[in-house]
């Protein structure tokens, strides 16, 4: 796909850009991170990270992407020539592909759970749970299902392969007919399902208690690690530092208002995260599950099925929820994959189809390894992490913030100020009062603050 390609309309542009940001980072990862990091205290730091750092960094990525209209490496090459700066462009390529390798596995899990919710298999208990009380039996039942669906060797790989193939079918159609078109369809579906679940969750008997945990901060719980995790979550959920936003912006029309788009995308991204909190915490509180180990996969694949099992029409609500998760996953994976696809198109001048194949085919192997690391290969550890968790921690908590630091320094200190100003003002056609603020944050605040947050656990 040539760089002159653009999204078909402003609605498609916003839908695709929001889709790249709104994904499993909000729907799957955010509630688990919130519960593990003190509830509302984490939420407060997360919101600050989104608007004080996320929006300016997003504007910076948009400016580079639309201004140069090339892949992540091409942006740095065009602006920095043959200096070592071009190496900075390789970081988002590597980070995005690392994320894609494990992210698409989770997409497979959500598709698998959707399928088994529809068939009713998810709610069929085994004879081994009879010896337990009802509550214990329910917990054991869904832990057994998670082991069967996620930690077994073949089932999760089959559904991961389906997710990979769906990504390929969308991506080969390009930006306008592929990414833009599918985003126009999927994003409204995602918000409608979210709104429906919010209404259901708020009608539950102990909804107020769950909302209190989610929205009443205990400031004593704000620790250096909470700040690091909130920063990592903000960058992960907004797709910062992985080349997704600069790649998307390379397809923006020249009249797109970058600041308005950044604020819109960040606000909608935050809205999805807040809606997921409103869905999750009243539900688990109402059914006495808030004290359970609500971490990562356990929250989505054990705790929530317990909630659904106690509601009328369990299969319907479960299927609807996992459809929501899969939609969120699909909108993100296609945008993340586009980063490397555009890299091959621009750097090696290959066709769209060949580029898609070069990017997607290795995923059949890499994602299989990530999937097996939850079961057969779980004994293989990288600094104490499984392969899956190591990719997650390294990319979201290290590579993305570091990439954002490098990009901020690049724009703030190396690139001609005219580049950022021209893109934010559409080459003088609009007056952007945000330019001096964004320029100041990218030059001084973002590099220093992100570095302090990253190093803060070592300074305790």
Protein backbone atom coordinates (compact mmCIF):
# COMPACT_ATOMS: atom_id res chain seq x y z
CA UNK A 1 0.00 0.00 0.00
CA UNK A 2 1.52 3.29 -1.07
CA UNK A 3 2.00 6.04 1.48
CA UNK A 4 -0.46 8.28 -0.42
CA UNK A 5 -3.25 5.99 0.82
CA UNK A 6 -5.56 7.67 3.31
CA UNK A 7 -8.59 6.74 5.35
CA UNK A 8 -11.85 7.09 3.44
CA UNK A 9 -13.43 9.59 5.85
CA UNK A 10 -12.83 11.40 9.14
CA UNK A 11 -15.10 8.91 10.87
CA UNK A 12 -13.01 6.04 9.51
CA UNK A 13 -9.86 7.87 10.59
CA UNK A 14 -11.06 8.30 14.18
CA UNK A 15 -12.54 4.78 14.32
CA UNK A 16 -9.30 3.20 13.10
CA UNK A 17 -7.09 5.31 15.37
CA UNK A 18 -9.32 4.67 18.39
CA UNK A 19 -9.38 1.01 17.42
CA UNK A 20 -5.58 0.90 17.48
CA UNK A 21 -5.61 2.31 21.01
CA UNK A 22 -8.78 0.75 22.42
CA UNK A 23 -8.16 -2.94 22.74
CA UNK A 24 -7.33 -5.67 25.20
CA UNK A 25 -5.16 -3.14 27.00
CA UNK A 26 -8.37 -1.53 28.22
CA UNK A 27 -10.77 -4.44 28.30
CA UNK A 28 -8.50 -7.22 29.56
CA UNK A 29 -5.43 -5.63 31.11
CA UNK A 30 -6.80 -2.45 32.75
CA UNK A 31 -9.22 -4.03 35.29
CA UNK A 32 -6.58 -6.56 36.40
CA UNK A 33 -3.94 -3.83 36.76
CA UNK A 34 -6.40 -1.64 38.67
CA UNK A 35 -7.25 -4.41 41.14
CA UNK A 36 -3.61 -5.40 41.62
CA UNK A 37 -2.45 -1.81 42.19
CA UNK A 38 -4.91 -0.49 44.77
CA UNK A 39 -8.06 0.33 42.81
CA UNK A 40 -8.86 4.03 42.58
CA UNK A 41 -5.29 5.05 43.53
CA UNK A 42 -4.03 3.37 40.37
CA UNK A 43 -6.88 4.90 38.35
CA UNK A 44 -5.90 8.41 39.47
CA UNK A 45 -2.26 7.99 38.43
CA UNK A 46 -3.36 6.35 35.19
CA UNK A 47 -5.59 9.31 34.24
CA UNK A 48 -2.73 11.71 34.97
CA UNK A 49 -0.39 9.67 32.76
CA UNK A 50 -2.94 9.64 29.91
CA UNK A 51 -3.46 13.41 29.74
CA UNK A 52 -0.18 14.87 31.02
CA UNK A 53 2.07 12.55 29.03
CA UNK A 54 -0.10 10.46 26.72
CA UNK A 55 -1.71 13.26 24.72
CA UNK A 56 1.49 15.25 24.04
CA UNK A 57 3.45 12.10 23.11
CA UNK A 58 0.56 11.05 20.84
CA UNK A 59 0.59 14.46 19.12
CA UNK A 60 4.34 14.06 18.63
CA UNK A 61 3.89 10.64 17.02
CA UNK A 62 1.06 11.96 14.84
CA UNK A 63 3.25 14.87 13.70
CA UNK A 64 6.12 12.60 12.70
CA UNK A 65 3.85 10.11 10.96
CA UNK A 66 1.79 12.53 8.91
CA UNK A 67 4.70 14.87 8.23
CA UNK A 68 7.00 12.20 6.79
CA UNK A 69 4.38 9.61 5.68
CA UNK A 70 6.74 6.68 6.09
CA UNK A 71 7.27 3.77 8.46
CA UNK A 72 8.87 4.22 11.90
CA UNK A 73 12.42 3.74 10.60
CA UNK A 74 11.77 5.95 7.59
CA UNK A 75 10.63 8.82 9.81
CA UNK A 76 13.96 8.92 11.64
CA UNK A 77 15.99 8.37 8.44
CA UNK A 78 14.28 11.29 6.68
CA UNK A 79 14.77 13.67 9.59
CA UNK A 80 18.17 12.51 10.85
CA UNK A 81 19.84 11.20 7.70
CA UNK A 82 22.54 8.60 8.27
CA UNK A 83 23.15 9.54 11.89
CA UNK A 84 22.61 6.85 14.58
CA UNK A 85 19.16 8.35 15.26
CA UNK A 86 17.65 6.05 12.64
CA UNK A 87 18.21 3.15 15.05
CA UNK A 88 15.53 4.69 17.29
CA UNK A 89 13.01 3.79 14.60
CA UNK A 90 13.79 0.10 15.02
CA UNK A 91 12.62 0.09 18.65
CA UNK A 92 8.90 0.55 17.89
CA UNK A 93 9.15 -2.05 15.11
CA UNK A 94 10.59 -4.61 17.54
CA UNK A 95 8.27 -3.64 20.41
CA UNK A 96 5.13 -3.78 18.28
CA UNK A 97 6.00 -7.19 16.88
CA UNK A 98 6.77 -8.53 20.38
CA UNK A 99 3.37 -7.29 21.52
CA UNK A 100 1.66 -8.72 18.46
CA UNK A 101 3.19 -12.16 19.14
CA UNK A 102 1.48 -12.54 22.52
CA UNK A 103 -1.48 -10.21 21.94
CA UNK A 104 -2.85 -12.37 19.15
CA UNK A 105 -2.68 -15.38 21.49
CA UNK A 106 -5.04 -13.57 23.88
CA UNK A 107 -7.25 -12.77 20.89
CA UNK A 108 -7.38 -16.51 20.27
CA UNK A 109 -8.35 -17.15 23.89
CA UNK A 110 -11.24 -14.68 23.67
CA UNK A 111 -12.45 -16.29 20.44
CA UNK A 112 -12.19 -19.72 22.09
CA UNK A 113 -14.21 -18.59 25.11
CA UNK A 114 -16.80 -17.02 22.82
CA UNK A 115 -17.18 -20.30 20.95
CA UNK A 116 -17.51 -22.42 24.10
CA UNK A 117 -19.92 -19.89 25.63
CA UNK A 118 -22.17 -20.27 22.59
CA UNK A 119 -21.99 -24.08 22.74
CA UNK A 120 -22.55 -24.07 26.52
CA UNK A 121 -19.40 -26.13 27.15
CA UNK A 122 -17.99 -23.37 29.38
CA UNK A 123 -20.73 -23.90 31.94
CA UNK A 124 -20.67 -27.70 32.01
CA UNK A 125 -19.10 -28.83 35.29
CA UNK A 126 -17.03 -31.98 35.68
CA UNK A 127 -17.70 -34.76 38.18
CA UNK A 128 -14.55 -33.71 40.08
CA UNK A 129 -16.26 -30.59 41.42
CA UNK A 130 -18.99 -32.50 43.29
CA UNK A 131 -16.86 -32.83 46.44
CA UNK A 132 -16.76 -29.05 46.91
CA UNK A 133 -19.32 -26.58 48.23
CA UNK A 134 -21.20 -24.62 45.56
CA UNK A 135 -18.89 -21.58 45.67
CA UNK A 136 -15.71 -23.66 45.73
CA UNK A 137 -17.06 -25.94 42.99
CA UNK A 138 -17.76 -22.91 40.80
CA UNK A 139 -14.21 -21.60 41.27
CA UNK A 140 -12.69 -25.04 40.62
CA UNK A 141 -14.89 -25.53 37.55
CA UNK A 142 -13.72 -22.39 35.79
CA UNK A 143 -10.08 -22.88 36.78
CA UNK A 144 -10.33 -26.33 35.19
CA UNK A 145 -11.86 -24.75 32.09
CA UNK A 146 -9.06 -22.17 31.93
CA UNK A 147 -6.50 -24.97 32.14
CA UNK A 148 -8.32 -26.86 29.40
CA UNK A 149 -8.82 -23.86 27.11
CA UNK A 150 -5.60 -21.89 27.68
CA UNK A 151 -2.94 -24.19 29.08
CA UNK A 152 -3.61 -27.22 26.89
CA UNK A 153 -1.42 -27.68 23.81
CA UNK A 154 -3.82 -27.70 20.89
CA UNK A 155 -7.14 -25.93 21.55
CA UNK A 156 -5.71 -22.43 22.14
CA UNK A 157 -3.33 -22.76 19.18
CA UNK A 158 -6.20 -23.60 16.82
CA UNK A 159 -8.13 -20.48 17.84
CA UNK A 160 -4.97 -18.37 17.73
CA UNK A 161 -4.45 -19.51 14.14
CA UNK A 162 -8.03 -18.45 13.32
CA UNK A 163 -7.30 -15.01 14.79
CA UNK A 164 -4.09 -14.77 12.72
CA UNK A 165 -5.94 -15.69 9.52
CA UNK A 166 -8.67 -13.10 10.20
CA UNK A 167 -5.98 -10.45 10.65
CA UNK A 168 -4.39 -11.44 7.35
CA UNK A 169 -7.71 -11.28 5.48
CA UNK A 170 -8.34 -7.74 6.77
CA UNK A 171 -4.80 -6.45 6.30
CA UNK A 172 -4.32 -7.56 2.69
CA UNK A 173 -7.22 -5.25 1.73
CA UNK A 174 -5.17 -2.23 2.75
CA UNK A 175 -5.97 0.86 4.78
CA UNK A 176 -9.18 2.21 3.25
CA UNK A 177 -10.93 -1.06 2.36
CA UNK A 178 -9.38 -3.15 5.15
CA UNK A 179 -8.47 -1.36 8.38
CA UNK A 180 -10.75 1.65 7.91
CA UNK A 181 -13.78 -0.37 6.81
CA UNK A 182 -13.57 -2.99 9.57
CA UNK A 183 -12.97 -0.29 12.21
CA UNK A 184 -16.14 1.53 11.08
CA UNK A 185 -18.08 -1.66 11.78
CA UNK A 186 -16.38 -2.98 14.91
CA UNK A 187 -15.93 0.16 17.01
CA UNK A 188 -19.68 0.99 17.27
CA UNK A 189 -20.35 -2.67 18.15
CA UNK A 190 -17.74 -2.49 20.91
CA UNK A 191 -19.26 0.65 22.49
CA UNK A 192 -22.82 -0.70 22.28
CA UNK A 193 -21.84 -3.93 24.07
CA UNK A 194 -19.89 -1.96 26.69
CA UNK A 195 -22.87 0.30 27.37
CA UNK A 196 -25.19 -2.68 27.73
CA UNK A 197 -22.89 -4.35 30.25
CA UNK A 198 -22.55 -1.10 32.23
CA UNK A 199 -26.34 -0.94 32.61
CA UNK A 200 -26.49 -4.58 33.74
CA UNK A 201 -23.59 -4.21 36.20
CA UNK A 202 -24.94 -1.02 37.78
CA UNK A 203 -28.28 -2.76 38.41
CA UNK A 204 -26.64 -5.44 40.61
CA UNK A 205 -27.27 -5.35 44.39
CA UNK A 206 -23.78 -4.30 45.58
CA UNK A 207 -22.83 -2.07 42.68
CA UNK A 208 -22.12 0.89 44.98
CA UNK A 209 -19.45 -1.02 46.91
CA UNK A 210 -17.69 -1.98 43.70
CA UNK A 211 -17.78 1.61 42.43
CA UNK A 212 -16.30 2.80 45.74
CA UNK A 213 -13.29 0.50 45.31
CA UNK A 214 -12.88 1.72 41.75
CA UNK A 215 -13.43 5.45 42.25
CA UNK A 216 -12.58 6.35 45.89
CA UNK A 217 -8.77 6.63 46.04
CA UNK A 218 -6.63 5.71 49.03
CA UNK A 219 -3.59 7.95 48.41
CA UNK A 220 -1.40 5.83 50.70
CA UNK A 221 -1.51 3.11 48.03
CA UNK A 222 0.28 5.29 45.47
CA UNK A 223 3.77 3.74 45.42
CA UNK A 224 6.64 3.92 42.91
CA UNK A 225 5.61 0.57 41.42
CA UNK A 226 1.99 1.74 41.10
CA UNK A 227 3.29 4.74 39.11
CA UNK A 228 5.42 2.49 36.89
CA UNK A 229 2.50 0.15 36.26
CA UNK A 230 0.13 3.06 35.58
CA UNK A 231 2.61 4.56 33.12
CA UNK A 232 3.09 1.19 31.41
CA UNK A 233 -0.67 0.69 31.22
CA UNK A 234 -1.21 4.19 29.79
CA UNK A 235 1.41 3.68 27.11
CA UNK A 236 0.17 0.15 26.36
CA UNK A 237 -3.50 1.12 26.12
CA UNK A 238 -2.79 4.24 24.03
CA UNK A 239 -0.37 2.31 21.78
CA UNK A 240 2.38 4.83 22.46
CA UNK A 241 5.99 4.08 21.63
CA UNK A 242 5.22 1.09 19.40
CA UNK A 243 4.94 2.94 16.08
CA UNK A 244 1.20 2.31 15.76
CA UNK A 245 0.16 5.95 15.98
CA UNK A 246 2.85 7.34 13.70
CA UNK A 247 2.02 4.61 11.18
CA UNK A 248 -1.71 5.41 11.40
CA UNK A 249 -0.94 9.13 11.05
CA UNK A 250 0.98 8.49 7.83
CA UNK A 251 -2.45 7.75 6.31
CA UNK A 252 -4.09 10.92 7.76
CA UNK A 253 -5.36 13.52 5.26
CA UNK A 254 -3.45 16.81 5.38
CA UNK A 255 -6.38 18.69 6.95
CA UNK A 256 -6.63 16.41 10.02
CA UNK A 257 -6.38 18.38 13.27
CA UNK A 258 -3.77 16.45 15.20
CA UNK A 259 -4.41 17.86 18.68
CA UNK A 260 -8.16 17.37 18.39
CA UNK A 261 -7.63 13.82 17.15
CA UNK A 262 -5.19 13.04 19.98
CA UNK A 263 -7.56 14.34 22.65
CA UNK A 264 -10.49 12.48 21.08
CA UNK A 265 -8.59 9.19 20.86
CA UNK A 266 -7.20 9.50 24.41
CA UNK A 267 -10.60 10.43 25.85
CA UNK A 268 -12.40 7.54 24.13
CA UNK A 269 -9.61 5.20 25.20
CA UNK A 270 -10.01 6.36 28.81
CA UNK A 271 -13.80 6.09 28.52
CA UNK A 272 -13.51 2.42 27.54
CA UNK A 273 -11.20 1.77 30.51
CA UNK A 274 -13.64 3.51 32.88
CA UNK A 275 -16.58 1.59 31.44
CA UNK A 276 -14.72 -1.69 31.98
CA UNK A 277 -14.11 -0.71 35.60
CA UNK A 278 -17.81 0.08 35.99
CA UNK A 279 -18.62 -3.33 34.51
CA UNK A 280 -16.10 -5.44 36.43
CA UNK A 281 -15.98 -4.15 39.99
CA UNK A 282 -19.71 -3.85 40.78
CA UNK A 283 -20.18 -7.33 39.30
CA UNK A 284 -17.43 -9.08 41.27
CA UNK A 285 -18.43 -7.22 44.44
CA UNK A 286 -22.09 -8.16 44.09
CA UNK A 287 -21.21 -11.84 43.85
CA UNK A 288 -18.57 -11.78 46.62
CA UNK A 289 -15.59 -12.24 44.32
CA UNK A 290 -13.68 -8.96 44.84
CA UNK A 291 -11.31 -10.61 47.32
CA UNK A 292 -10.39 -13.29 44.80
CA UNK A 293 -7.10 -13.20 42.92
CA UNK A 294 -8.16 -10.89 40.11
CA UNK A 295 -4.96 -10.96 38.12
CA UNK A 296 -4.46 -11.16 34.36
CA UNK A 297 -6.13 -14.16 32.81
CA UNK A 298 -7.70 -15.20 36.12
CA UNK A 299 -9.94 -12.13 36.19
CA UNK A 300 -11.33 -12.56 32.70
CA UNK A 301 -11.32 -16.32 32.34
CA UNK A 302 -12.17 -17.53 35.87
CA UNK A 303 -13.80 -14.76 37.91
CA UNK A 304 -16.10 -13.31 35.25
CA UNK A 305 -17.46 -16.70 34.13
CA UNK A 306 -18.36 -17.22 37.81
CA UNK A 307 -20.32 -13.96 37.64
CA UNK A 308 -22.06 -15.00 34.43
CA UNK A 309 -22.93 -18.40 35.93
CA UNK A 310 -24.96 -16.63 38.61
CA UNK A 311 -26.96 -14.56 36.12
CA UNK A 312 -29.95 -15.58 34.07
CA UNK A 313 -29.05 -16.54 30.47
CA UNK A 314 -25.42 -17.27 31.44
CA UNK A 315 -24.40 -18.41 27.96
CA UNK A 316 -25.78 -15.24 26.36
CA UNK A 317 -23.96 -12.81 28.68
CA UNK A 318 -20.75 -14.81 28.51
CA UNK A 319 -20.82 -15.01 24.71
CA UNK A 320 -21.56 -11.29 24.45
CA UNK A 321 -18.67 -10.40 26.77
CA UNK A 322 -16.12 -12.55 24.97
CA UNK A 323 -17.35 -11.20 21.65
CA UNK A 324 -16.58 -7.75 23.10
CA UNK A 325 -13.08 -8.91 24.01
CA UNK A 326 -12.46 -10.37 20.59
CA UNK A 327 -13.63 -7.20 18.84
CA UNK A 328 -11.26 -5.19 21.06
CA UNK A 329 -8.42 -7.58 20.28
CA UNK A 330 -9.03 -7.55 16.53
CA UNK A 331 -9.11 -3.75 16.23
CA UNK A 332 -5.74 -3.60 17.99
CA UNK A 333 -3.92 -6.49 16.34
CA UNK A 334 -4.61 -5.23 12.83
CA UNK A 335 -3.19 -1.81 13.77
CA UNK A 336 -0.16 -3.28 15.53
CA UNK A 337 0.58 -5.55 12.56
CA UNK A 338 0.38 -2.56 10.21
CA UNK A 339 3.53 -1.09 11.82
CA UNK A 340 5.73 -3.92 10.52
CA UNK A 341 3.77 -4.27 7.27
CA UNK A 342 4.45 -0.63 6.39
CA UNK A 343 8.10 -1.11 7.37
CA UNK A 344 8.49 -3.87 4.76
CA UNK A 345 6.54 -1.88 2.17
CA UNK A 346 8.60 1.29 2.59
CA UNK A 347 12.06 -0.14 3.33
CA UNK A 348 12.09 -3.11 0.97
CA UNK A 349 9.58 -1.87 -1.64
CA UNK A 350 7.52 -5.07 -1.61
CA UNK A 351 3.83 -5.30 -2.50
CA UNK A 352 1.07 -5.09 0.09
CA UNK A 353 0.28 -8.80 -0.16
CA UNK A 354 3.93 -9.88 0.14
CA UNK A 355 4.45 -7.55 3.09
CA UNK A 356 1.40 -8.95 4.89
CA UNK A 357 2.61 -12.50 4.32
CA UNK A 358 6.12 -11.66 5.59
CA UNK A 359 4.65 -10.22 8.78
CA UNK A 360 1.85 -12.71 9.44
CA UNK A 361 3.45 -16.07 8.59
CA UNK A 362 6.07 -16.03 11.41
CA UNK A 363 3.23 -15.48 13.89
CA UNK A 364 2.10 -19.06 13.39
CA UNK A 365 5.36 -20.12 15.04
CA UNK A 366 5.96 -17.26 17.49
CA UNK A 367 2.40 -17.21 18.81
CA UNK A 368 2.43 -20.99 19.15
CA UNK A 369 5.49 -20.67 21.40
CA UNK A 370 3.75 -17.96 23.44
CA UNK A 371 0.67 -20.15 23.77
CA UNK A 372 2.68 -23.22 24.77
CA UNK A 373 4.53 -21.14 27.39
CA UNK A 374 1.27 -21.25 29.36
CA UNK A 375 1.40 -25.05 29.40
CA UNK A 376 4.03 -27.41 27.98
CA UNK A 377 6.77 -24.74 27.87
CA UNK A 378 5.86 -23.12 31.21
CA UNK A 379 9.14 -24.39 32.71
CA UNK A 380 11.11 -22.07 30.41
CA UNK A 381 11.70 -18.82 32.29
CA UNK A 382 13.20 -15.49 31.28
CA UNK A 383 14.24 -13.61 34.44
CA UNK A 384 11.58 -15.57 36.29
CA UNK A 385 8.85 -14.86 33.71
CA UNK A 386 7.24 -17.22 31.25
CA UNK A 387 7.89 -16.38 27.59
CA UNK A 388 4.39 -14.85 27.33
CA UNK A 389 4.77 -12.73 30.50
CA UNK A 390 8.34 -11.72 29.62
CA UNK A 391 7.20 -10.30 26.27
CA UNK A 392 4.38 -8.45 28.02
CA UNK A 393 6.53 -6.96 30.80
CA UNK A 394 9.49 -6.07 28.58
CA UNK A 395 7.42 -4.41 25.85
CA UNK A 396 4.84 -2.51 27.90
CA UNK A 397 6.85 -1.52 31.00
CA UNK A 398 10.25 -0.93 29.36
CA UNK A 399 10.33 -0.66 25.58
CA UNK A 400 7.25 1.52 25.11
CA UNK A 401 8.22 4.15 27.73
CA UNK A 402 11.84 4.12 26.50
CA UNK A 403 10.60 4.55 22.93
CA UNK A 404 8.52 7.51 24.07
CA UNK A 405 11.54 9.05 25.81
CA UNK A 406 13.65 8.74 22.66
CA UNK A 407 10.88 10.14 20.46
CA UNK A 408 10.36 13.10 22.84
CA UNK A 409 14.08 13.91 22.90
CA UNK A 410 14.23 13.55 19.12
CA UNK A 411 11.39 16.03 18.54
CA UNK A 412 12.28 18.36 21.42
CA UNK A 413 16.03 18.60 20.91
CA UNK A 414 17.05 17.35 17.48
CA UNK A 415 14.33 17.97 14.90
CA UNK A 416 13.71 21.48 13.56
CA UNK A 417 10.88 23.05 15.60
CA UNK A 418 9.18 23.88 12.31
CA UNK A 419 8.28 20.18 11.78
CA UNK A 420 6.11 19.94 14.91
CA UNK A 421 4.66 23.45 14.48
CA UNK A 422 3.77 22.91 10.81
CA UNK A 423 1.96 19.66 11.55
CA UNK A 424 0.09 21.00 14.60
CA UNK A 425 -1.04 24.11 12.70
CA UNK A 426 -1.60 22.29 9.38
CA UNK A 427 1.13 24.49 7.86
CA UNK A 428 -0.38 27.71 9.20
CA UNK A 429 -3.99 27.02 8.22
CA UNK A 430 -5.16 26.73 11.85
CA UNK A 431 -4.05 28.39 15.05
CA UNK A 432 -2.86 25.82 17.61
CA UNK A 433 -2.59 27.32 21.08
CA UNK A 434 -1.41 23.88 22.21
CA UNK A 435 1.83 24.03 20.23
CA UNK A 436 4.03 25.71 22.89
CA UNK A 437 2.57 23.45 25.60
CA UNK A 438 3.14 20.25 23.63
CA UNK A 439 6.61 21.39 22.54
CA UNK A 440 7.58 22.19 26.16
CA UNK A 441 6.26 18.85 27.47
CA UNK A 442 8.04 16.86 24.75
CA UNK A 443 11.31 18.74 25.31
CA UNK A 444 11.44 18.89 29.10
CA UNK A 445 8.64 17.13 30.95
CA UNK A 446 8.12 13.83 29.12
CA UNK A 447 11.75 12.63 29.00
CA UNK A 448 12.46 13.60 32.62
CA UNK A 449 9.19 12.42 34.13
CA UNK A 450 9.08 9.11 32.27
CA UNK A 451 12.71 8.43 33.26
CA UNK A 452 12.01 9.22 36.92
CA UNK A 453 8.97 6.93 36.94
CA UNK A 454 10.94 4.10 35.32
CA UNK A 455 13.80 4.45 37.81
CA UNK A 456 11.66 5.12 40.89
CA UNK A 457 11.46 1.45 42.02
CA UNK A 458 15.27 1.43 42.21
CA UNK A 459 15.32 4.58 44.34
CA UNK A 460 13.15 3.29 47.19
